[in-house]
N, C-alpha and C. Protein backbone atom coordinates (compact mmCIF):
# COMPACT_ATOMS: atom_id res chain seq x y z
N UNK A 1 -59.62 -66.33 20.04
CA UNK A 1 -58.38 -67.14 19.66
C UNK A 1 -57.37 -66.08 20.36
N UNK A 2 -56.34 -66.31 21.05
CA UNK A 2 -55.54 -65.64 21.23
C UNK A 2 -54.06 -66.06 20.79
N UNK A 3 -53.56 -64.90 20.25
CA UNK A 3 -52.05 -65.41 19.27
C UNK A 3 -50.89 -64.23 20.39
N UNK A 4 -50.12 -64.78 21.12
CA UNK A 4 -49.11 -64.58 21.74
C UNK A 4 -48.33 -62.94 21.37
N UNK A 5 -48.44 -62.71 20.01
CA UNK A 5 -48.03 -61.10 19.81
C UNK A 5 -48.67 -60.94 19.50
N UNK A 6 -50.09 -60.97 19.10
CA UNK A 6 -51.15 -60.00 18.69
C UNK A 6 -51.96 -59.81 20.05
N UNK A 7 -52.36 -60.61 20.66
CA UNK A 7 -52.98 -60.16 21.99
C UNK A 7 -54.87 -61.01 21.76
N UNK A 8 -55.53 -60.55 22.20
CA UNK A 8 -56.89 -61.65 22.12
C UNK A 8 -57.49 -60.97 20.69
N UNK A 9 -58.31 -62.59 19.62
CA UNK A 9 -58.58 -61.66 18.51
C UNK A 9 -60.22 -62.22 18.94
N UNK A 10 -60.94 -61.84 18.24
CA UNK A 10 -62.39 -62.53 18.04
C UNK A 10 -62.71 -61.84 16.32
N UNK A 11 -63.19 -63.39 15.96
CA UNK A 11 -63.06 -63.11 14.95
C UNK A 11 -64.11 -64.56 14.16
N UNK A 12 -64.44 -64.29 12.83
CA UNK A 12 -65.17 -65.12 12.08
C UNK A 12 -64.61 -65.07 10.15
N UNK A 13 -65.03 -66.59 10.12
CA UNK A 13 -64.31 -66.81 8.75
C UNK A 13 -65.18 -67.89 7.85
N UNK A 14 -65.78 -67.32 6.82
CA UNK A 14 -66.30 -68.66 6.30
C UNK A 14 -65.38 -68.43 4.49
N UNK A 15 -65.11 -69.82 4.05
CA UNK A 15 -65.09 -70.23 3.04
C UNK A 15 -65.54 -71.09 1.70
N UNK A 16 -65.85 -70.96 0.26
CA UNK A 16 -66.47 -71.33 -0.23
C UNK A 16 -65.50 -71.55 -1.76
N UNK A 17 -65.98 -73.18 -2.24
CA UNK A 17 -65.04 -72.99 -3.22
C UNK A 17 -64.67 -74.73 -3.98
N UNK A 18 -63.93 -74.19 -5.05
CA UNK A 18 -63.39 -75.71 -5.60
C UNK A 18 -61.52 -75.48 -5.34
N UNK A 19 -60.98 -76.71 -5.20
CA UNK A 19 -59.76 -76.79 -5.69
C UNK A 19 -59.10 -77.64 -6.39
N UNK A 20 -57.87 -77.59 -6.78
CA UNK A 20 -57.05 -78.72 -7.79
C UNK A 20 -57.03 -77.93 -8.77
N UNK A 21 -57.49 -78.88 -9.97
CA UNK A 21 -57.40 -78.16 -10.98
C UNK A 21 -58.21 -76.95 -11.39
N UNK A 22 -59.25 -76.64 -11.10
CA UNK A 22 -59.96 -75.82 -11.36
C UNK A 22 -60.48 -74.71 -10.26
N UNK A 23 -59.25 -74.55 -9.37
CA UNK A 23 -59.46 -73.58 -8.43
C UNK A 23 -60.26 -72.17 -7.95
N UNK A 24 -60.74 -72.34 -7.49
CA UNK A 24 -61.78 -71.30 -7.51
C UNK A 24 -62.21 -71.04 -6.11
N UNK A 25 -61.92 -70.26 -5.04
CA UNK A 25 -62.09 -70.23 -3.89
C UNK A 25 -62.37 -68.66 -3.37
N UNK A 26 -63.40 -68.50 -2.31
CA UNK A 26 -63.46 -67.05 -2.15
C UNK A 26 -63.67 -67.12 -0.23
N UNK A 27 -62.96 -66.56 0.34
CA UNK A 27 -62.95 -66.35 1.42
C UNK A 27 -63.36 -64.83 2.28
N UNK A 28 -64.23 -65.08 3.28
CA UNK A 28 -64.60 -63.80 3.64
C UNK A 28 -64.61 -63.96 5.22
N UNK A 29 -64.73 -62.70 5.77
CA UNK A 29 -64.56 -62.41 7.24
C UNK A 29 -64.71 -61.52 8.40
N UNK A 30 -64.65 -61.47 9.35
CA UNK A 30 -64.16 -60.33 9.61
C UNK A 30 -64.09 -60.57 11.63
N UNK A 31 -63.11 -59.29 11.92
CA UNK A 31 -62.62 -59.63 12.93
C UNK A 31 -63.20 -58.30 14.05
N UNK A 32 -63.91 -58.42 14.85
CA UNK A 32 -64.77 -57.56 15.58
C UNK A 32 -63.54 -57.10 16.56
N UNK A 33 -62.44 -57.80 16.97
CA UNK A 33 -61.74 -56.81 17.55
C UNK A 33 -60.37 -57.59 17.81
N UNK A 34 -59.28 -56.98 17.81
CA UNK A 34 -57.96 -57.52 17.93
C UNK A 34 -57.36 -56.52 18.86
N UNK A 35 -55.95 -56.87 19.67
CA UNK A 35 -55.50 -56.54 20.31
C UNK A 35 -53.79 -56.30 20.24
N UNK A 36 -53.32 -54.95 19.50
CA UNK A 36 -51.78 -54.71 19.03
C UNK A 36 -50.81 -53.97 19.76
N UNK A 37 -49.50 -54.46 20.52
CA UNK A 37 -49.06 -53.56 21.33
C UNK A 37 -50.11 -52.62 22.60
N UNK A 38 -50.94 -53.48 23.35
CA UNK A 38 -51.81 -52.77 24.13
C UNK A 38 -52.82 -51.99 23.46
N UNK A 39 -53.32 -51.73 22.36
CA UNK A 39 -54.12 -50.97 21.34
C UNK A 39 -55.35 -51.60 21.07
N UNK A 40 -56.39 -51.68 21.24
CA UNK A 40 -57.87 -51.89 20.94
C UNK A 40 -57.94 -51.40 19.45
N UNK A 41 -57.94 -52.45 18.40
CA UNK A 41 -58.58 -52.28 17.05
C UNK A 41 -59.91 -53.16 16.69
N UNK A 42 -60.81 -52.06 15.93
CA UNK A 42 -62.06 -52.99 16.15
C UNK A 42 -62.60 -52.66 14.59
N UNK A 43 -63.59 -53.57 14.23
CA UNK A 43 -64.43 -53.53 12.73
C UNK A 43 -63.51 -53.94 11.73
N UNK A 44 -62.55 -54.90 11.69
CA UNK A 44 -61.89 -54.91 10.38
C UNK A 44 -63.02 -56.27 9.80
N UNK A 45 -62.86 -55.88 8.67
CA UNK A 45 -63.53 -56.83 7.85
C UNK A 45 -62.54 -57.18 6.51
N UNK A 46 -62.55 -58.08 5.88
CA UNK A 46 -61.75 -59.03 5.10
C UNK A 46 -62.29 -59.71 4.09
N UNK A 47 -61.91 -59.83 2.76
CA UNK A 47 -62.64 -60.92 1.88
C UNK A 47 -61.52 -61.13 0.44
N UNK A 48 -61.44 -62.09 -0.10
CA UNK A 48 -60.42 -62.65 -1.11
C UNK A 48 -60.90 -63.73 -2.05
N UNK A 49 -60.14 -63.80 -3.09
CA UNK A 49 -60.39 -64.69 -4.10
C UNK A 49 -59.57 -65.35 -4.49
N UNK A 50 -59.15 -66.80 -4.71
CA UNK A 50 -58.04 -67.24 -5.13
C UNK A 50 -58.63 -67.99 -6.81
N UNK A 51 -57.85 -67.70 -7.53
CA UNK A 51 -58.17 -68.58 -8.61
C UNK A 51 -57.02 -69.53 -9.29
N UNK A 52 -57.11 -69.98 -10.29
CA UNK A 52 -55.84 -70.36 -11.48
C UNK A 52 -55.05 -69.56 -11.81
N UNK A 53 -55.50 -68.18 -12.31
CA UNK A 53 -55.25 -67.42 -12.47
C UNK A 53 -54.81 -66.00 -11.86
N UNK A 54 -55.26 -65.98 -10.19
CA UNK A 54 -54.97 -64.32 -9.73
C UNK A 54 -55.10 -65.10 -8.23
N UNK A 55 -55.02 -63.93 -7.70
CA UNK A 55 -55.46 -63.93 -6.20
C UNK A 55 -55.61 -62.48 -5.65
N UNK A 56 -56.75 -62.05 -4.90
CA UNK A 56 -57.60 -60.82 -4.59
C UNK A 56 -57.10 -60.67 -3.32
N UNK A 57 -57.20 -59.53 -2.81
CA UNK A 57 -57.62 -59.56 -1.10
C UNK A 57 -57.97 -57.87 -0.79
N UNK A 58 -58.59 -57.87 0.41
CA UNK A 58 -59.75 -56.37 0.25
C UNK A 58 -59.25 -56.98 1.95
N UNK A 59 -58.60 -55.89 2.75
CA UNK A 59 -59.07 -55.79 4.24
C UNK A 59 -59.21 -54.27 4.65
N UNK A 60 -59.91 -53.95 5.37
CA UNK A 60 -60.68 -52.74 5.62
C UNK A 60 -60.97 -52.92 7.08
N UNK A 61 -60.49 -51.81 7.65
CA UNK A 61 -60.61 -51.21 8.72
C UNK A 61 -61.47 -50.26 9.13
N UNK A 62 -62.42 -50.24 9.86
CA UNK A 62 -63.90 -49.20 9.56
C UNK A 62 -63.86 -48.35 11.64
N UNK A 63 -62.99 -48.97 12.63
CA UNK A 63 -62.62 -48.65 13.72
C UNK A 63 -62.33 -46.70 13.30
N UNK A 64 -62.89 -45.81 14.23
CA UNK A 64 -62.72 -44.59 13.76
C UNK A 64 -61.15 -44.14 14.10
N UNK A 65 -60.45 -44.82 15.06
CA UNK A 65 -59.36 -44.30 15.61
C UNK A 65 -58.00 -45.11 14.87
N UNK A 66 -58.50 -46.12 13.50
CA UNK A 66 -57.09 -46.86 12.89
C UNK A 66 -57.77 -46.91 11.81
N UNK A 67 -58.64 -45.97 10.75
CA UNK A 67 -59.37 -45.98 9.06
C UNK A 67 -58.31 -46.92 8.42
N UNK A 68 -58.46 -47.56 7.80
CA UNK A 68 -57.67 -47.81 6.77
C UNK A 68 -58.17 -49.27 5.61
N UNK A 69 -58.04 -48.80 4.92
CA UNK A 69 -58.07 -50.12 3.51
C UNK A 69 -56.72 -50.62 2.43
N UNK A 70 -56.54 -51.98 2.95
CA UNK A 70 -55.61 -52.18 1.66
C UNK A 70 -56.21 -53.29 1.16
N UNK A 71 -55.80 -53.13 -0.88
CA UNK A 71 -56.14 -54.26 -1.57
C UNK A 71 -55.03 -54.36 -2.26
N UNK A 72 -54.60 -56.02 -2.49
CA UNK A 72 -53.88 -56.39 -3.36
C UNK A 72 -54.15 -57.59 -4.35
N UNK A 73 -53.91 -57.67 -5.34
CA UNK A 73 -53.78 -58.42 -6.41
C UNK A 73 -52.97 -58.95 -7.14
N UNK A 74 -52.58 -60.08 -7.31
CA UNK A 74 -51.19 -61.08 -8.05
C UNK A 74 -52.49 -61.93 -8.99
N UNK A 75 -51.92 -61.59 -10.38
CA UNK A 75 -52.15 -62.27 -11.40
C UNK A 75 -50.41 -63.11 -11.63
N UNK A 76 -51.29 -64.00 -12.29
CA UNK A 76 -50.37 -65.19 -12.69
C UNK A 76 -50.36 -65.63 -14.23
N UNK A 77 -51.02 -64.36 -14.88
CA UNK A 77 -51.41 -65.03 -16.68
C UNK A 77 -50.24 -64.27 -16.92
N UNK A 78 -49.46 -64.97 -18.08
CA UNK A 78 -48.04 -64.52 -18.74
C UNK A 78 -47.15 -63.93 -17.78
N UNK A 79 -46.88 -62.64 -17.59
CA UNK A 79 -46.06 -62.39 -16.45
C UNK A 79 -46.58 -61.85 -15.01
N UNK A 80 -45.90 -62.31 -14.05
CA UNK A 80 -46.36 -62.50 -12.62
C UNK A 80 -46.57 -60.68 -12.73
N UNK A 81 -47.60 -60.01 -12.25
CA UNK A 81 -48.34 -58.61 -11.65
C UNK A 81 -48.67 -58.65 -10.32
N UNK A 82 -48.37 -58.06 -9.72
CA UNK A 82 -48.26 -57.38 -8.51
C UNK A 82 -49.11 -55.91 -8.35
N UNK A 83 -50.09 -55.53 -7.56
CA UNK A 83 -50.87 -54.59 -7.22
C UNK A 83 -51.06 -54.25 -5.66
N UNK A 84 -51.00 -53.17 -5.32
CA UNK A 84 -50.82 -53.36 -4.22
C UNK A 84 -51.44 -51.47 -3.81
N UNK A 85 -52.59 -51.30 -2.85
CA UNK A 85 -53.11 -50.30 -2.88
C UNK A 85 -53.42 -50.16 -1.48
N UNK A 86 -52.72 -49.05 -0.13
CA UNK A 86 -52.87 -48.74 0.64
C UNK A 86 -53.52 -47.65 1.37
N UNK A 87 -54.23 -47.46 2.20
CA UNK A 87 -54.61 -46.19 2.84
C UNK A 87 -54.94 -45.93 3.77
N UNK A 88 -54.28 -45.06 4.87
CA UNK A 88 -54.46 -45.44 6.08
C UNK A 88 -55.04 -43.54 6.76
N UNK A 89 -55.44 -43.48 7.70
CA UNK A 89 -56.21 -42.22 8.47
C UNK A 89 -56.26 -42.98 9.68
N UNK A 90 -55.65 -42.06 10.16
CA UNK A 90 -55.24 -42.04 12.31
C UNK A 90 -54.46 -42.69 12.66
N UNK A 91 -53.41 -43.39 11.99
CA UNK A 91 -52.62 -44.54 12.76
C UNK A 91 -51.53 -43.32 12.93
N UNK A 92 -50.98 -43.33 14.40
CA UNK A 92 -50.09 -42.87 14.68
C UNK A 92 -49.39 -42.91 15.39
């Protein structure tokens, strides 16, 4: 897959679950490589889950030159709650 603003991307994705009134969907995937501003980043994995009550997502970059982990959770119960955590290592 090639996106004009990103460059070449090699990825795989799988999804499983139910939609409609009883929403419960899990998504998992990996990006073996992508190019941003002429820099290649490798070994990216992601997983997420959407239910009637919340959405969670985790993205991890295991590339030794661009290590990062991003976790986000949005809860729709009672009041809206958003929690995000970011860790970056070697992003210059």
